[in-house]
Amino acid sequence: MLIAINFIYSPEVIWFFYPLIGWGIGISMHYLFGLRWVEKELEEREAKAEYRAREMKK
């Protein structure tokens, strides 16, 4: 969509790369913070809970 807007309204200046780079950085950060690091934290909590459950059985 940005490419179409760029070439329709101002074909002499190629500017659509700048918003794409910004959105790419934002989406990448959202992925890293929202999925990867939270997933790792949940796995650590789960491991601690399993350890406590095993200790209580003894």
Protein backbone atom coordinates (compact mmCIF):
# COMPACT_ATOMS: atom_id res chain seq x y z
CA MET A 1 0.00 0.00 0.00
CA LEU A 2 2.82 2.40 0.85
CA ILE A 3 4.51 1.67 -2.46
CA ALA A 4 1.31 2.45 -4.35
CA ILE A 5 0.78 5.71 -2.45
CA ASN A 6 4.40 6.69 -3.00
CA PHE A 7 4.31 6.11 -6.76
CA ILE A 8 0.88 7.68 -7.27
CA TYR A 9 1.36 10.89 -5.28
CA SER A 10 5.11 11.52 -5.35
CA PRO A 11 6.92 9.27 -7.83
CA GLU A 12 9.96 11.56 -7.96
CA VAL A 13 10.90 10.78 -4.32
CA ILE A 14 11.18 7.19 -3.12
CA TRP A 15 10.19 7.39 0.58
CA PHE A 16 8.27 4.19 1.29
CA PHE A 17 11.39 2.43 2.66
CA TYR A 18 11.48 4.64 5.77
CA PRO A 19 8.08 3.70 7.23
CA LEU A 20 8.70 0.06 6.27
CA ILE A 21 11.97 0.04 8.21
CA GLY A 22 10.28 1.62 11.23
CA TRP A 23 7.40 -0.86 11.16
CA GLY A 24 9.84 -3.72 10.72
CA ILE A 25 11.78 -2.67 13.80
CA GLY A 26 8.57 -2.24 15.79
CA ILE A 27 7.18 -5.63 14.76
CA SER A 28 10.51 -7.32 15.52
CA MET A 29 10.64 -5.80 19.00
CA HIS A 30 7.03 -6.78 19.63
CA TYR A 31 7.85 -10.36 18.62
CA LEU A 32 10.94 -10.52 20.81
CA PHE A 33 9.33 -8.99 23.90
CA GLY A 34 5.88 -10.46 23.48
CA LEU A 35 6.63 -14.00 22.47
CA ARG A 36 10.20 -15.10 23.00
CA TRP A 37 11.07 -13.58 26.38
CA VAL A 38 7.64 -14.18 27.88
CA GLU A 39 7.77 -17.78 26.68
CA LYS A 40 11.16 -18.27 28.33
CA GLU A 41 9.88 -16.75 31.58
CA LEU A 42 6.85 -19.05 31.57
CA GLU A 43 9.05 -22.09 31.04
CA GLU A 44 11.20 -21.07 34.03
CA ARG A 45 8.13 -20.61 36.23
CA GLU A 46 6.77 -23.98 35.12
CA ALA A 47 10.07 -25.68 35.95
CA LYS A 48 10.12 -24.09 39.42
CA ALA A 49 6.52 -25.16 40.06
CA GLU A 50 7.32 -28.75 39.02
CA TYR A 51 10.35 -28.74 41.30
CA ARG A 52 8.26 -27.53 44.25
CA ALA A 53 5.60 -30.16 43.51
CA ARG A 54 8.24 -32.91 43.49
CA GLU A 55 9.72 -31.63 46.74
CA MET A 56 6.31 -31.62 48.44
CA LYS A 57 5.69 -35.25 47.44
CA LYS A 58 8.82 -36.37 49.30
